[in-house]
Amino acid sequence: MRLASTVAALVFCTAAAAAPNDVVRPYPAQQVSTGVYVIHGPQGVPSKANQSFMNNPAWVVTRDGVVVIDPGSSVQVGRMVAAQIRKTTDKPVTHVFDTHVHGDHWLGNQAILEAWPKATLIAHPDMIKQANNGAGAFWIKLMSDMTGGYTDGTRAEVPTIEAADGQEFRIGGKTFRIHSSTDAHSKTDLMIELVEDHILFTADNVLNHQVMNLRDGTFKGVMKATDRALALDAALYVPGHGKTGDRKFVEDQKAYFSTLMSEVRRMYDEGKSDYEMKPVIAEKLKAYRDWAEWDTNLGRQISLAILEIEQE
């Protein structure tokens, strides 16, 4: 009886160790420039279907090692990212930039440290504070809830090195210049300029063909960050969600927000309510109806825009 129990326990442990949720199904990396790779995750919210993976993990292979930007939403996603990194180089990951506090971008830190324990984790100082003061636990629970427990086992490995606006990190012959803000998409945001390659990692301050969730940020800040991204005139822009491309999709986001804000302001001055505004604005923005999360976030954006106008 004791032997049977032992065998049963071993079978259970083996099955648990081999469970499909140990690693997210693989997504290929796209080389967007020499030594620069991006995995373009599916667009949408975390779910059972996408196994919580829906951001754009990226990495830069430098002379001395690999610099990762946003390793994903869970230890399972991070393990997939680590496997894809190993397909592109045998160099170790030396640094990780986490662009903001939203967990779909940084909870993969755990897997990076499993594979490369000496990696240095870098983020906005307010992101570090928030992650240590409850945001890490909040995002772990949210990811688990939205994926039916798929991401369970993820720990919040919080960055320890602060990145300031204008600061430059010289790593392996490359310059990573920080463009940070305290009022944009999450109020804890970094955009990272790879200076020598004329590439800007915009994080969630700029998305490609996706209607932004702005619950933690401000229109004013995001529009300012969008202008800043355009002023840098990068050859290539890597968004937090959506495909990498040239400045066209950044200009599209600017046009979208400019139209939305001007229409909300006009109708607010006329005394219209948010539900009266929505069909008018939806018609004005009909060119963007194919963007991801249109149905989910347009109404929310209108309500938030009204609140922002009222606070002026």
C-alpha atoms as a PDB file:
ATOM      1  CA  MET A   1       0.000   0.000   0.000  1.00  0.00           C
ATOM      2  CA  ARG A   2       2.831   2.316   0.910  1.00  0.00           C
ATOM      3  CA  LEU A   3       4.568   1.484  -2.406  1.00  0.00           C
ATOM      4  CA  ALA A   4       1.388   2.188  -4.349  1.00  0.00           C
ATOM      5  CA  SER A   5       1.041   5.542  -2.630  1.00  0.00           C
ATOM      6  CA  THR A   6       4.655   6.378  -3.411  1.00  0.00           C
ATOM      7  CA  VAL A   7       4.230   5.425  -7.067  1.00  0.00           C
ATOM      8  CA  ALA A   8       1.032   7.468  -7.281  1.00  0.00           C
ATOM      9  CA  ALA A   9       2.780  10.459  -5.767  1.00  0.00           C
ATOM     10  CA  LEU A  10       5.661  10.142  -8.246  1.00  0.00           C
ATOM     11  CA  VAL A  11       3.225   9.915 -11.155  1.00  0.00           C
ATOM     12  CA  PHE A  12       1.426  13.036  -9.903  1.00  0.00           C
ATOM     13  CA  CYS A  13       4.659  14.983  -9.467  1.00  0.00           C
ATOM     14  CA  THR A  14       5.909  13.934 -12.912  1.00  0.00           C
ATOM     15  CA  ALA A  15       2.623  14.978 -14.512  1.00  0.00           C
ATOM     16  CA  ALA A  16       2.719  18.314 -12.700  1.00  0.00           C
ATOM     17  CA  ALA A  17       6.325  18.941 -13.754  1.00  0.00           C
ATOM     18  CA  ALA A  18       5.420  18.227 -17.376  1.00  0.00           C
ATOM     19  CA  ALA A  19       2.223  20.278 -17.367  1.00  0.00           C
ATOM     20  CA  PRO A  20       1.597  22.282 -20.549  1.00  0.00           C
ATOM     21  CA  ASN A  21       1.496  25.559 -18.646  1.00  0.00           C
ATOM     22  CA  ASP A  22       5.206  25.394 -17.827  1.00  0.00           C
ATOM     23  CA  VAL A  23       6.060  27.252 -21.049  1.00  0.00           C
ATOM     24  CA  VAL A  24       3.853  29.280 -23.379  1.00  0.00           C
ATOM     25  CA  ARG A  25       3.611  27.856 -26.888  1.00  0.00           C
ATOM     26  CA  PRO A  26       6.444  29.289 -28.979  1.00  0.00           C
ATOM     27  CA  TYR A  27       6.176  32.478 -30.998  1.00  0.00           C
ATOM     28  CA  PRO A  28       8.941  33.231 -33.497  1.00  0.00           C
ATOM     29  CA  ALA A  29      11.232  36.214 -33.091  1.00  0.00           C
ATOM     30  CA  GLN A  30      11.510  38.682 -35.946  1.00  0.00           C
ATOM     31  CA  GLN A  31      14.879  40.297 -36.606  1.00  0.00           C
ATOM     32  CA  VAL A  32      13.931  43.936 -37.190  1.00  0.00           C
ATOM     33  CA  SER A  33      17.492  45.252 -37.414  1.00  0.00           C
ATOM     34  CA  THR A  34      21.010  43.886 -37.006  1.00  0.00           C
ATOM     35  CA  GLY A  35      21.112  42.165 -33.625  1.00  0.00           C
ATOM     36  CA  VAL A  36      17.629  43.449 -32.674  1.00  0.00           C
ATOM     37  CA  TYR A  37      14.748  41.006 -32.264  1.00  0.00           C
ATOM     38  CA  VAL A  38      11.061  41.332 -31.400  1.00  0.00           C
ATOM     39  CA  ILE A  39       8.414  38.724 -30.662  1.00  0.00           C
ATOM     40  CA  HIS A  40       5.164  40.321 -31.775  1.00  0.00           C
ATOM     41  CA  GLY A  41       2.576  38.922 -29.397  1.00  0.00           C
ATOM     42  CA  PRO A  42      -1.104  38.567 -30.289  1.00  0.00           C
ATOM     43  CA  GLN A  43      -3.131  41.692 -29.602  1.00  0.00           C
ATOM     44  CA  GLY A  44      -5.871  41.688 -26.991  1.00  0.00           C
ATOM     45  CA  VAL A  45      -6.214  41.137 -23.259  1.00  0.00           C
ATOM     46  CA  PRO A  46      -4.690  38.205 -21.306  1.00  0.00           C
ATOM     47  CA  SER A  47      -6.824  35.069 -21.597  1.00  0.00           C
ATOM     48  CA  LYS A  48      -6.782  31.279 -21.508  1.00  0.00           C
ATOM     49  CA  ALA A  49      -6.572  31.308 -25.307  1.00  0.00           C
ATOM     50  CA  ASN A  50      -3.389  33.397 -25.491  1.00  0.00           C
ATOM     51  CA  GLN A  51      -1.893  31.892 -22.296  1.00  0.00           C
ATOM     52  CA  SER A  52      -1.438  35.482 -20.993  1.00  0.00           C
ATOM     53  CA  PHE A  53       0.946  36.393 -23.819  1.00  0.00           C
ATOM     54  CA  MET A  54       0.061  39.617 -25.632  1.00  0.00           C
ATOM     55  CA  ASN A  55       2.998  42.061 -25.511  1.00  0.00           C
ATOM     56  CA  ASN A  56       6.140  42.545 -27.622  1.00  0.00           C
ATOM     57  CA  PRO A  57       9.229  41.196 -25.830  1.00  0.00           C
ATOM     58  CA  ALA A  58      12.383  42.471 -27.517  1.00  0.00           C
ATOM     59  CA  TRP A  59      16.121  42.072 -27.157  1.00  0.00           C
ATOM     60  CA  VAL A  60      19.327  43.583 -28.438  1.00  0.00           C
ATOM     61  CA  VAL A  61      22.441  41.459 -28.872  1.00  0.00           C
ATOM     62  CA  THR A  62      25.410  43.614 -27.863  1.00  0.00           C
ATOM     63  CA  ARG A  63      29.137  42.973 -27.891  1.00  0.00           C
ATOM     64  CA  ASP A  64      29.035  41.617 -24.332  1.00  0.00           C
ATOM     65  CA  GLY A  65      25.579  40.094 -23.968  1.00  0.00           C
ATOM     66  CA  VAL A  66      21.859  40.544 -24.443  1.00  0.00           C
ATOM     67  CA  VAL A  67      19.641  43.424 -23.304  1.00  0.00           C
ATOM     68  CA  VAL A  68      15.970  42.448 -22.973  1.00  0.00           C
ATOM     69  CA  ILE A  69      13.075  44.894 -23.091  1.00  0.00           C
ATOM     70  CA  ASP A  70       9.836  43.670 -21.466  1.00  0.00           C
ATOM     71  CA  PRO A  71      10.116  39.872 -21.085  1.00  0.00           C
ATOM     72  CA  GLY A  72       6.362  39.316 -20.792  1.00  0.00           C
ATOM     73  CA  SER A  73       3.497  38.633 -18.430  1.00  0.00           C
ATOM     74  CA  SER A  74       4.427  35.492 -16.488  1.00  0.00           C
ATOM     75  CA  VAL A  75       7.169  33.013 -15.743  1.00  0.00           C
ATOM     76  CA  GLN A  76       5.658  30.827 -18.484  1.00  0.00           C
ATOM     77  CA  VAL A  77       5.930  33.600 -21.070  1.00  0.00           C
ATOM     78  CA  GLY A  78       9.419  34.471 -19.859  1.00  0.00           C
ATOM     79  CA  ARG A  79      10.571  30.884 -20.398  1.00  0.00           C
ATOM     80  CA  MET A  80       9.339  31.009 -23.968  1.00  0.00           C
ATOM     81  CA  VAL A  81      11.160  34.309 -24.483  1.00  0.00           C
ATOM     82  CA  ALA A  82      14.369  32.855 -22.997  1.00  0.00           C
ATOM     83  CA  ALA A  83      14.154  29.914 -25.401  1.00  0.00           C
ATOM     84  CA  GLN A  84      13.765  32.268 -28.363  1.00  0.00           C
ATOM     85  CA  ILE A  85      16.712  34.378 -27.197  1.00  0.00           C
ATOM     86  CA  ARG A  86      18.888  31.260 -27.111  1.00  0.00           C
ATOM     87  CA  LYS A  87      17.989  30.588 -30.754  1.00  0.00           C
ATOM     88  CA  THR A  88      19.519  33.941 -31.741  1.00  0.00           C
ATOM     89  CA  THR A  89      22.708  33.961 -29.633  1.00  0.00           C
ATOM     90  CA  ASP A  90      24.678  32.030 -27.052  1.00  0.00           C
ATOM     91  CA  LYS A  91      25.486  35.240 -25.146  1.00  0.00           C
ATOM     92  CA  PRO A  92      23.964  35.723 -21.684  1.00  0.00           C
ATOM     93  CA  VAL A  93      21.268  38.237 -20.813  1.00  0.00           C
ATOM     94  CA  THR A  94      23.036  40.989 -18.874  1.00  0.00           C
ATOM     95  CA  HIS A  95      20.284  43.606 -18.498  1.00  0.00           C
ATOM     96  CA  VAL A  96      16.496  43.876 -18.589  1.00  0.00           C
ATOM     97  CA  PHE A  97      14.520  47.091 -19.058  1.00  0.00           C
ATOM     98  CA  ASP A  98      10.945  46.943 -17.758  1.00  0.00           C
ATOM     99  CA  THR A  99       9.088  49.779 -19.456  1.00  0.00           C
ATOM    100  CA  HIS A 100       6.245  50.267 -16.948  1.00  0.00           C
ATOM    101  CA  VAL A 101       4.316  48.789 -14.046  1.00  0.00           C
ATOM    102  CA  HIS A 102       1.678  46.847 -15.985  1.00  0.00           C
ATOM    103  CA  GLY A 103       2.453  43.205 -15.321  1.00  0.00           C
ATOM    104  CA  ASP A 104       1.948  41.937 -18.868  1.00  0.00           C
ATOM    105  CA  HIS A 105       5.327  43.522 -19.629  1.00  0.00           C
ATOM    106  CA  TRP A 106       7.552  42.555 -16.693  1.00  0.00           C
ATOM    107  CA  LEU A 107       6.399  39.484 -14.778  1.00  0.00           C
ATOM    108  CA  GLY A 108       8.562  37.433 -17.131  1.00  0.00           C
ATOM    109  CA  ASN A 109      11.556  38.754 -15.147  1.00  0.00           C
ATOM    110  CA  GLN A 110      11.378  35.603 -13.042  1.00  0.00           C
ATOM    111  CA  ALA A 111      12.226  33.371 -16.005  1.00  0.00           C
ATOM    112  CA  ILE A 112      15.085  35.619 -17.103  1.00  0.00           C
ATOM    113  CA  LEU A 113      16.643  35.391 -13.646  1.00  0.00           C
ATOM    114  CA  GLU A 114      16.128  31.618 -13.616  1.00  0.00           C
ATOM    115  CA  ALA A 115      18.210  31.396 -16.773  1.00  0.00           C
ATOM    116  CA  TRP A 116      20.640  34.274 -16.159  1.00  0.00           C
ATOM    117  CA  PRO A 117      20.779  35.031 -12.398  1.00  0.00           C
ATOM    118  CA  LYS A 118      23.258  37.893 -12.795  1.00  0.00           C
ATOM    119  CA  ALA A 119      21.014  39.965 -15.062  1.00  0.00           C
ATOM    120  CA  THR A 120      20.378  43.537 -13.886  1.00  0.00           C
ATOM    121  CA  LEU A 121      16.747  44.715 -13.867  1.00  0.00           C
ATOM    122  CA  ILE A 122      16.095  48.406 -14.666  1.00  0.00           C
ATOM    123  CA  ALA A 123      12.891  50.479 -14.542  1.00  0.00           C
ATOM    124  CA  HIS A 124      11.279  53.848 -13.813  1.00  0.00           C
ATOM    125  CA  PRO A 125      11.648  54.704 -10.107  1.00  0.00           C
ATOM    126  CA  ASP A 126       7.871  54.982  -9.693  1.00  0.00           C
ATOM    127  CA  MET A 127       7.420  51.574 -11.299  1.00  0.00           C
ATOM    128  CA  ILE A 128       9.809  50.090  -8.726  1.00  0.00           C
ATOM    129  CA  LYS A 129       7.952  51.774  -5.858  1.00  0.00           C
ATOM    130  CA  GLN A 130       4.548  50.646  -7.067  1.00  0.00           C
ATOM    131  CA  ALA A 131       5.690  47.088  -7.758  1.00  0.00           C
ATOM    132  CA  ASN A 132       7.077  46.812  -4.231  1.00  0.00           C
ATOM    133  CA  ASN A 133       3.981  48.395  -2.689  1.00  0.00           C
ATOM    134  CA  GLY A 134       1.330  46.034  -3.986  1.00  0.00           C
ATOM    135  CA  ALA A 135       1.276  46.352  -7.771  1.00  0.00           C
ATOM    136  CA  GLY A 136       3.317  43.173  -8.188  1.00  0.00           C
ATOM    137  CA  ALA A 137       0.826  41.132  -6.170  1.00  0.00           C
ATOM    138  CA  PHE A 138      -2.097  42.840  -7.938  1.00  0.00           C
ATOM    139  CA  TRP A 139      -0.811  41.915 -11.391  1.00  0.00           C
ATOM    140  CA  ILE A 140       0.044  38.340 -10.424  1.00  0.00           C
ATOM    141  CA  LYS A 141      -3.532  37.815  -9.237  1.00  0.00           C
ATOM    142  CA  LEU A 142      -5.015  39.593 -12.252  1.00  0.00           C
ATOM    143  CA  MET A 143      -3.032  37.438 -14.687  1.00  0.00           C
ATOM    144  CA  SER A 144      -4.084  34.288 -12.862  1.00  0.00           C
ATOM    145  CA  ASP A 145      -7.735  35.322 -12.803  1.00  0.00           C
ATOM    146  CA  MET A 146      -7.790  36.250 -16.494  1.00  0.00           C
ATOM    147  CA  THR A 147      -6.121  33.015 -17.599  1.00  0.00           C
ATOM    148  CA  GLY A 148      -7.914  30.583 -15.321  1.00  0.00           C
ATOM    149  CA  GLY A 149      -4.796  29.966 -13.266  1.00  0.00           C
ATOM    150  CA  TYR A 150      -2.470  29.388 -16.222  1.00  0.00           C
ATOM    151  CA  THR A 151       0.159  31.816 -14.909  1.00  0.00           C
ATOM    152  CA  ASP A 152       0.224  30.414 -11.371  1.00  0.00           C
ATOM    153  CA  GLY A 153       3.747  30.022 -10.037  1.00  0.00           C
ATOM    154  CA  THR A 154       4.802  33.468 -11.242  1.00  0.00           C
ATOM    155  CA  ARG A 155       6.691  35.651  -8.757  1.00  0.00           C
ATOM    156  CA  ALA A 156       7.207  39.393  -8.938  1.00  0.00           C
ATOM    157  CA  GLU A 157      10.933  39.951  -9.487  1.00  0.00           C
ATOM    158  CA  VAL A 158      11.088  43.712  -9.083  1.00  0.00           C
ATOM    159  CA  PRO A 159      13.826  45.807 -10.742  1.00  0.00           C
ATOM    160  CA  THR A 160      16.409  47.387  -8.460  1.00  0.00           C
ATOM    161  CA  ILE A 161      18.070  49.954 -10.742  1.00  0.00           C
ATOM    162  CA  GLU A 162      16.274  53.244 -11.437  1.00  0.00           C
ATOM    163  CA  ALA A 163      16.304  54.885 -14.858  1.00  0.00           C
ATOM    164  CA  ALA A 164      15.984  58.679 -15.085  1.00  0.00           C
ATOM    165  CA  ASP A 165      14.779  60.783 -17.987  1.00  0.00           C
ATOM    166  CA  GLY A 166      17.695  61.513 -20.315  1.00  0.00           C
ATOM    167  CA  GLN A 167      19.940  58.932 -18.683  1.00  0.00           C
ATOM    168  CA  GLU A 168      22.132  56.852 -20.981  1.00  0.00           C
ATOM    169  CA  PHE A 169      23.136  53.268 -20.280  1.00  0.00           C
ATOM    170  CA  ARG A 170      26.242  52.217 -22.206  1.00  0.00           C
ATOM    171  CA  ILE A 171      26.021  48.444 -22.543  1.00  0.00           C
ATOM    172  CA  GLY A 172      28.205  46.310 -24.783  1.00  0.00           C
ATOM    173  CA  GLY A 173      28.990  49.126 -27.197  1.00  0.00           C
ATOM    174  CA  LYS A 174      25.367  50.263 -27.480  1.00  0.00           C
ATOM    175  CA  THR A 175      23.691  53.365 -26.022  1.00  0.00           C
ATOM    176  CA  PHE A 176      20.260  52.967 -24.456  1.00  0.00           C
ATOM    177  CA  ARG A 177      18.852  56.467 -23.880  1.00  0.00           C
ATOM    178  CA  ILE A 178      15.873  56.847 -21.551  1.00  0.00           C
ATOM    179  CA  HIS A 179      12.820  58.984 -22.324  1.00  0.00           C
ATOM    180  CA  SER A 180      10.600  58.745 -19.265  1.00  0.00           C
ATOM    181  CA  SER A 181       7.363  60.359 -18.102  1.00  0.00           C
ATOM    182  CA  THR A 182       5.111  60.518 -15.069  1.00  0.00           C
ATOM    183  CA  ASP A 183       1.801  61.288 -16.790  1.00  0.00           C
ATOM    184  CA  ALA A 184       1.587  59.064 -19.878  1.00  0.00           C
ATOM    185  CA  HIS A 185       0.209  55.531 -20.359  1.00  0.00           C
ATOM    186  CA  SER A 186       0.818  54.249 -16.812  1.00  0.00           C
ATOM    187  CA  LYS A 187       2.579  57.245 -15.200  1.00  0.00           C
ATOM    188  CA  THR A 188       5.619  54.956 -14.770  1.00  0.00           C
ATOM    189  CA  ASP A 189       6.727  54.780 -18.393  1.00  0.00           C
ATOM    190  CA  LEU A 190      10.050  54.485 -20.173  1.00  0.00           C
ATOM    191  CA  MET A 191      10.627  54.810 -23.876  1.00  0.00           C
ATOM    192  CA  ILE A 192      14.052  53.456 -24.776  1.00  0.00           C
ATOM    193  CA  GLU A 193      16.075  54.831 -27.656  1.00  0.00           C
ATOM    194  CA  LEU A 194      18.730  52.560 -29.150  1.00  0.00           C
ATOM    195  CA  VAL A 195      20.831  55.471 -30.293  1.00  0.00           C
ATOM    196  CA  GLU A 196      23.282  53.935 -32.770  1.00  0.00           C
ATOM    197  CA  ASP A 197      20.518  52.008 -34.538  1.00  0.00           C
ATOM    198  CA  HIS A 198      17.925  54.824 -34.592  1.00  0.00           C
ATOM    199  CA  ILE A 199      15.302  52.564 -33.005  1.00  0.00           C
ATOM    200  CA  LEU A 200      12.766  53.635 -30.387  1.00  0.00           C
ATOM    201  CA  PHE A 201      11.039  51.142 -28.119  1.00  0.00           C
ATOM    202  CA  THR A 202       7.899  53.108 -27.286  1.00  0.00           C
ATOM    203  CA  ALA A 203       6.391  50.628 -24.817  1.00  0.00           C
ATOM    204  CA  ASP A 204       2.659  51.288 -24.353  1.00  0.00           C
ATOM    205  CA  ASN A 205       2.935  55.028 -24.934  1.00  0.00           C
ATOM    206  CA  VAL A 206       2.469  54.206 -28.613  1.00  0.00           C
ATOM    207  CA  LEU A 207       0.571  51.176 -29.929  1.00  0.00           C
ATOM    208  CA  ASN A 208       0.159  50.011 -33.506  1.00  0.00           C
ATOM    209  CA  HIS A 209      -3.474  49.528 -34.548  1.00  0.00           C
ATOM    210  CA  GLN A 210      -4.739  49.167 -30.989  1.00  0.00           C
ATOM    211  CA  VAL A 211      -7.087  51.376 -28.960  1.00  0.00           C
ATOM    212  CA  MET A 212      -5.184  52.104 -25.767  1.00  0.00           C
ATOM    213  CA  ASN A 213      -6.400  51.289 -22.268  1.00  0.00           C
ATOM    214  CA  LEU A 214      -5.747  54.554 -20.432  1.00  0.00           C
ATOM    215  CA  ARG A 215      -7.147  53.727 -17.002  1.00  0.00           C
ATOM    216  CA  ASP A 216      -3.839  54.536 -15.290  1.00  0.00           C
ATOM    217  CA  GLY A 217      -2.634  57.392 -17.472  1.00  0.00           C
ATOM    218  CA  THR A 218      -3.619  60.693 -19.051  1.00  0.00           C
ATOM    219  CA  PHE A 219      -4.431  61.802 -22.578  1.00  0.00           C
ATOM    220  CA  LYS A 220      -2.239  64.849 -22.089  1.00  0.00           C
ATOM    221  CA  GLY A 221       0.753  62.706 -21.146  1.00  0.00           C
ATOM    222  CA  VAL A 222       0.276  60.131 -23.899  1.00  0.00           C
ATOM    223  CA  MET A 223      -0.110  62.846 -26.543  1.00  0.00           C
ATOM    224  CA  LYS A 224       3.062  64.496 -25.257  1.00  0.00           C
ATOM    225  CA  ALA A 225       4.913  61.155 -25.375  1.00  0.00           C
ATOM    226  CA  THR A 226       3.641  60.552 -28.918  1.00  0.00           C
ATOM    227  CA  ASP A 227       4.987  63.949 -30.002  1.00  0.00           C
ATOM    228  CA  ARG A 228       8.281  63.170 -28.317  1.00  0.00           C
ATOM    229  CA  ALA A 229       8.519  59.854 -30.161  1.00  0.00           C
ATOM    230  CA  LEU A 230       7.885  61.579 -33.488  1.00  0.00           C
ATOM    231  CA  ALA A 231      10.443  64.311 -32.729  1.00  0.00           C
ATOM    232  CA  LEU A 232      13.135  61.650 -32.328  1.00  0.00           C
ATOM    233  CA  ASP A 233      12.512  60.694 -35.976  1.00  0.00           C
ATOM    234  CA  ALA A 234      13.587  57.092 -35.461  1.00  0.00           C
ATOM    235  CA  ALA A 235      14.106  54.797 -38.416  1.00  0.00           C
ATOM    236  CA  LEU A 236      12.104  52.127 -36.619  1.00  0.00           C
ATOM    237  CA  TYR A 237       9.525  52.171 -33.834  1.00  0.00           C
ATOM    238  CA  VAL A 238       8.815  49.108 -31.686  1.00  0.00           C
ATOM    239  CA  PRO A 239       5.440  49.483 -29.926  1.00  0.00           C
ATOM    240  CA  GLY A 240       4.350  47.748 -26.746  1.00  0.00           C
ATOM    241  CA  HIS A 241       1.611  45.998 -28.739  1.00  0.00           C
ATOM    242  CA  GLY A 242       1.236  45.619 -32.491  1.00  0.00           C
ATOM    243  CA  LYS A 243       3.747  45.378 -35.307  1.00  0.00           C
ATOM    244  CA  THR A 244       7.073  47.193 -35.513  1.00  0.00           C
ATOM    245  CA  GLY A 245       7.186  49.843 -38.218  1.00  0.00           C
ATOM    246  CA  ASP A 246       8.164  53.336 -39.296  1.00  0.00           C
ATOM    247  CA  ARG A 247       6.693  56.605 -38.022  1.00  0.00           C
ATOM    248  CA  LYS A 248       3.403  56.127 -39.906  1.00  0.00           C
ATOM    249  CA  PHE A 249       1.694  54.219 -37.084  1.00  0.00           C
ATOM    250  CA  VAL A 250       2.917  56.807 -34.560  1.00  0.00           C
ATOM    251  CA  GLU A 251       1.357  59.532 -36.697  1.00  0.00           C
ATOM    252  CA  ASP A 252      -1.842  57.457 -36.866  1.00  0.00           C
ATOM    253  CA  GLN A 253      -2.031  57.359 -33.075  1.00  0.00           C
ATOM    254  CA  LYS A 254      -1.487  61.115 -32.882  1.00  0.00           C
ATOM    255  CA  ALA A 255      -4.303  61.704 -35.370  1.00  0.00           C
ATOM    256  CA  TYR A 256      -6.630  59.362 -33.478  1.00  0.00           C
ATOM    257  CA  PHE A 257      -6.086  61.074 -30.126  1.00  0.00           C
ATOM    258  CA  SER A 258      -6.232  64.557 -31.620  1.00  0.00           C
ATOM    259  CA  THR A 259      -9.610  63.842 -33.192  1.00  0.00           C
ATOM    260  CA  LEU A 260     -11.006  62.156 -30.078  1.00  0.00           C
ATOM    261  CA  MET A 261      -9.947  64.917 -27.705  1.00  0.00           C
ATOM    262  CA  SER A 262     -11.113  67.761 -29.934  1.00  0.00           C
ATOM    263  CA  GLU A 263     -14.524  66.138 -30.414  1.00  0.00           C
ATOM    264  CA  VAL A 264     -14.957  65.364 -26.714  1.00  0.00           C
ATOM    265  CA  ARG A 265     -14.020  68.948 -25.845  1.00  0.00           C
ATOM    266  CA  ARG A 266     -16.430  70.373 -28.429  1.00  0.00           C
ATOM    267  CA  MET A 267     -19.363  68.278 -27.262  1.00  0.00           C
ATOM    268  CA  TYR A 268     -18.526  68.765 -23.589  1.00  0.00           C
ATOM    269  CA  ASP A 269     -18.772  72.522 -24.159  1.00  0.00           C
ATOM    270  CA  GLU A 270     -22.192  71.875 -25.729  1.00  0.00           C
ATOM    271  CA  GLY A 271     -23.314  70.046 -22.595  1.00  0.00           C
ATOM    272  CA  LYS A 272     -23.395  66.564 -24.133  1.00  0.00           C
ATOM    273  CA  SER A 273     -22.986  63.425 -22.008  1.00  0.00           C
ATOM    274  CA  ASP A 274     -20.605  60.565 -22.771  1.00  0.00           C
ATOM    275  CA  TYR A 275     -23.330  58.297 -24.206  1.00  0.00           C
ATOM    276  CA  GLU A 276     -24.394  61.102 -26.542  1.00  0.00           C
ATOM    277  CA  MET A 277     -20.809  61.643 -27.628  1.00  0.00           C
ATOM    278  CA  LYS A 278     -19.955  58.027 -28.394  1.00  0.00           C
ATOM    279  CA  PRO A 279     -21.845  57.489 -31.685  1.00  0.00           C
ATOM    280  CA  VAL A 280     -20.625  60.825 -33.046  1.00  0.00           C
ATOM    281  CA  ILE A 281     -17.004  60.100 -32.128  1.00  0.00           C
ATOM    282  CA  ALA A 282     -17.239  56.523 -33.401  1.00  0.00           C
ATOM    283  CA  GLU A 283     -18.302  57.905 -36.769  1.00  0.00           C
ATOM    284  CA  LYS A 284     -15.490  60.479 -36.757  1.00  0.00           C
ATOM    285  CA  LEU A 285     -13.001  57.699 -35.950  1.00  0.00           C
ATOM    286  CA  LYS A 286     -14.477  55.055 -38.260  1.00  0.00           C
ATOM    287  CA  ALA A 287     -11.150  54.675 -40.067  1.00  0.00           C
ATOM    288  CA  TYR A 288      -9.802  53.075 -36.876  1.00  0.00           C
ATOM    289  CA  ARG A 289     -12.604  50.549 -36.291  1.00  0.00           C
ATOM    290  CA  ASP A 290     -10.372  47.623 -37.184  1.00  0.00           C
ATOM    291  CA  TRP A 291      -7.955  48.447 -34.350  1.00  0.00           C
ATOM    292  CA  ALA A 292      -7.695  45.898 -31.545  1.00  0.00           C
ATOM    293  CA  GLU A 293      -9.838  46.641 -28.466  1.00  0.00           C
ATOM    294  CA  TRP A 294     -11.967  49.228 -30.305  1.00  0.00           C
ATOM    295  CA  ASP A 295     -15.178  47.899 -28.790  1.00  0.00           C
ATOM    296  CA  THR A 296     -13.659  47.593 -25.313  1.00  0.00           C
ATOM    297  CA  ASN A 297     -11.824  50.880 -24.929  1.00  0.00           C
ATOM    298  CA  LEU A 298     -13.434  53.606 -27.052  1.00  0.00           C
ATOM    299  CA  GLY A 299     -16.243  54.307 -24.582  1.00  0.00           C
ATOM    300  CA  ARG A 300     -13.840  54.209 -21.660  1.00  0.00           C
ATOM    301  CA  GLN A 301     -11.562  56.693 -23.392  1.00  0.00           C
ATOM    302  CA  ILE A 302     -14.438  59.126 -23.904  1.00  0.00           C
ATOM    303  CA  SER A 303     -15.359  58.947 -20.212  1.00  0.00           C
ATOM    304  CA  LEU A 304     -11.740  59.460 -19.184  1.00  0.00           C
ATOM    305  CA  ALA A 305     -11.344  62.380 -21.588  1.00  0.00           C
ATOM    306  CA  ILE A 306     -14.346  64.070 -19.984  1.00  0.00           C
ATOM    307  CA  LEU A 307     -12.828  63.621 -16.515  1.00  0.00           C
ATOM    308  CA  GLU A 308      -9.540  65.053 -17.729  1.00  0.00           C
ATOM    309  CA  ILE A 309     -11.264  68.092 -19.229  1.00  0.00           C
ATOM    310  CA  GLU A 310     -13.196  68.647 -16.007  1.00  0.00           C
ATOM    311  CA  GLN A 311      -9.923  68.647 -14.036  1.00  0.00           C
ATOM    312  CA  GLU A 312      -8.302  71.351 -16.144  1.00  0.00           C
END
